[in-house]
């Protein structure tokens, strides 16, 4: 299972992160993917979504 990250957490590894629904893991789509740099914070996500590295 992929590690989940939430908005405001520190990013451990630079990469592209997709957003997934907390309740069922449904992918939000490529329009919601974000490039996040190591050491920076995850940006705001959609309501009830978390980030996973793609």
N, C-alpha and C. Protein backbone atom coordinates (compact mmCIF):
# COMPACT_ATOMS: atom_id res chain seq x y z
N UNK A 1 0.84 -1.18 0.00
CA UNK A 1 0.00 0.00 0.00
C UNK A 1 0.88 1.25 0.00
N UNK A 2 0.54 2.20 -0.82
CA UNK A 2 1.32 3.43 -0.93
C UNK A 2 1.14 4.30 0.32
N UNK A 3 2.19 4.99 0.69
CA UNK A 3 2.13 5.90 1.84
C UNK A 3 1.23 7.08 1.51
N UNK A 4 0.40 7.47 2.46
CA UNK A 4 -0.52 8.59 2.29
C UNK A 4 0.08 9.84 2.93
N UNK A 5 -0.13 10.97 2.27
CA UNK A 5 0.30 12.27 2.79
C UNK A 5 -0.87 13.23 2.73
N UNK A 6 -0.93 14.12 3.72
CA UNK A 6 -2.01 15.09 3.78
C UNK A 6 -1.47 16.50 3.60
N UNK A 7 -2.34 17.40 3.20
CA UNK A 7 -1.98 18.81 3.01
C UNK A 7 -1.26 19.33 4.25
N UNK A 8 -0.18 20.07 4.00
CA UNK A 8 0.58 20.67 5.10
C UNK A 8 1.71 19.80 5.62
N UNK A 9 1.72 18.51 5.30
CA UNK A 9 2.83 17.65 5.72
C UNK A 9 4.07 17.95 4.89
N UNK A 10 5.23 17.65 5.43
CA UNK A 10 6.50 17.83 4.73
C UNK A 10 6.69 16.68 3.74
N UNK A 11 7.06 17.01 2.52
CA UNK A 11 7.27 16.01 1.47
C UNK A 11 8.63 15.35 1.67
N UNK A 12 8.67 13.99 1.76
CA UNK A 12 9.94 13.31 1.98
C UNK A 12 10.77 13.10 0.72
N UNK A 13 10.12 13.07 -0.45
CA UNK A 13 10.80 12.78 -1.71
C UNK A 13 10.18 13.58 -2.83
N UNK A 14 11.01 14.28 -3.61
CA UNK A 14 10.53 15.04 -4.75
C UNK A 14 9.79 14.11 -5.72
N UNK A 15 8.67 14.57 -6.25
CA UNK A 15 7.95 13.75 -7.21
C UNK A 15 6.60 14.32 -7.57
N UNK A 16 5.89 13.56 -8.39
CA UNK A 16 4.53 13.88 -8.78
C UNK A 16 3.60 13.09 -7.86
N UNK A 17 2.68 13.78 -7.25
CA UNK A 17 1.75 13.16 -6.31
C UNK A 17 0.32 13.35 -6.81
N UNK A 18 -0.41 12.25 -6.81
CA UNK A 18 -1.82 12.29 -7.20
C UNK A 18 -2.69 12.39 -5.96
N UNK A 19 -3.93 12.85 -6.16
CA UNK A 19 -4.88 12.95 -5.06
C UNK A 19 -5.87 11.79 -5.13
N UNK A 20 -6.14 11.22 -3.97
CA UNK A 20 -7.03 10.06 -3.86
C UNK A 20 -8.02 10.29 -2.73
N UNK A 21 -9.25 9.84 -2.95
CA UNK A 21 -10.31 10.01 -1.95
C UNK A 21 -9.99 9.17 -0.71
N UNK A 22 -10.16 9.78 0.48
CA UNK A 22 -9.85 9.11 1.74
C UNK A 22 -10.73 7.88 1.97
N UNK A 23 -11.98 7.93 1.58
CA UNK A 23 -12.92 6.86 1.92
C UNK A 23 -12.77 5.61 1.06
N UNK A 24 -12.48 5.78 -0.24
CA UNK A 24 -12.43 4.59 -1.10
C UNK A 24 -11.20 4.52 -2.00
N UNK A 25 -10.29 5.49 -1.90
CA UNK A 25 -9.06 5.47 -2.68
C UNK A 25 -9.22 5.84 -4.14
N UNK A 26 -10.38 6.38 -4.54
CA UNK A 26 -10.62 6.74 -5.94
C UNK A 26 -9.68 7.88 -6.35
N UNK A 27 -9.06 7.72 -7.51
CA UNK A 27 -8.12 8.71 -8.05
C UNK A 27 -8.89 9.93 -8.55
N UNK A 28 -8.42 11.13 -8.21
CA UNK A 28 -9.11 12.36 -8.57
C UNK A 28 -8.86 12.79 -10.02
N UNK A 29 -7.86 12.23 -10.68
CA UNK A 29 -7.56 12.58 -12.06
C UNK A 29 -6.29 13.40 -12.19
N UNK A 30 -5.73 13.39 -13.41
CA UNK A 30 -4.45 14.06 -13.65
C UNK A 30 -4.51 15.57 -13.43
N UNK A 31 -5.66 16.17 -13.58
CA UNK A 31 -5.77 17.62 -13.37
C UNK A 31 -5.51 18.01 -11.92
N UNK A 32 -5.52 17.04 -11.00
CA UNK A 32 -5.28 17.31 -9.59
C UNK A 32 -3.91 16.82 -9.12
N UNK A 33 -3.08 16.30 -10.03
CA UNK A 33 -1.72 15.90 -9.69
C UNK A 33 -0.88 17.14 -9.38
N UNK A 34 0.06 17.00 -8.47
CA UNK A 34 0.92 18.12 -8.10
C UNK A 34 2.37 17.67 -8.03
N UNK A 35 3.28 18.51 -8.53
CA UNK A 35 4.71 18.28 -8.38
C UNK A 35 5.10 18.91 -7.04
N UNK A 36 5.69 18.11 -6.17
CA UNK A 36 6.06 18.59 -4.84
C UNK A 36 7.55 18.33 -4.63
N UNK A 37 8.25 19.34 -4.16
CA UNK A 37 9.69 19.26 -3.91
C UNK A 37 9.96 18.69 -2.52
N UNK A 38 11.07 17.95 -2.39
CA UNK A 38 11.48 17.41 -1.10
C UNK A 38 11.66 18.56 -0.10
N UNK A 39 11.12 18.39 1.09
CA UNK A 39 11.25 19.39 2.15
C UNK A 39 10.17 20.46 2.14
N UNK A 40 9.39 20.56 1.06
CA UNK A 40 8.30 21.54 1.05
C UNK A 40 7.02 20.87 1.55
N UNK A 41 6.03 21.68 1.82
CA UNK A 41 4.76 21.15 2.34
C UNK A 41 3.82 20.79 1.19
N UNK A 42 3.02 19.77 1.42
CA UNK A 42 2.01 19.42 0.43
C UNK A 42 0.98 20.53 0.34
N UNK A 43 0.54 20.86 -0.88
CA UNK A 43 -0.42 21.94 -1.07
C UNK A 43 -1.83 21.51 -0.63
N UNK A 44 -2.76 22.44 -0.60
CA UNK A 44 -4.14 22.07 -0.28
C UNK A 44 -4.65 21.04 -1.28
N UNK A 45 -5.45 20.13 -0.79
CA UNK A 45 -6.04 19.10 -1.65
C UNK A 45 -7.55 19.31 -1.70
N UNK A 46 -8.19 18.52 -2.55
CA UNK A 46 -9.65 18.54 -2.59
C UNK A 46 -10.17 18.06 -1.23
N UNK A 47 -11.40 18.38 -0.93
CA UNK A 47 -12.02 17.95 0.32
C UNK A 47 -12.01 16.43 0.42
N UNK A 48 -11.58 15.91 1.55
CA UNK A 48 -11.53 14.46 1.83
C UNK A 48 -10.60 13.69 0.89
N UNK A 49 -9.49 14.31 0.50
CA UNK A 49 -8.50 13.65 -0.36
C UNK A 49 -7.11 13.72 0.29
N UNK A 50 -6.27 12.75 -0.03
CA UNK A 50 -4.88 12.73 0.41
C UNK A 50 -3.99 12.58 -0.83
N UNK A 51 -2.69 12.68 -0.65
CA UNK A 51 -1.73 12.54 -1.74
C UNK A 51 -0.98 11.22 -1.63
N UNK A 52 -0.66 10.63 -2.78
CA UNK A 52 0.22 9.47 -2.88
C UNK A 52 1.15 9.70 -4.06
N UNK A 53 2.40 9.24 -3.92
CA UNK A 53 3.36 9.41 -5.00
C UNK A 53 2.99 8.52 -6.18
N UNK A 54 3.11 9.07 -7.39
CA UNK A 54 2.77 8.31 -8.60
C UNK A 54 3.98 7.61 -9.14
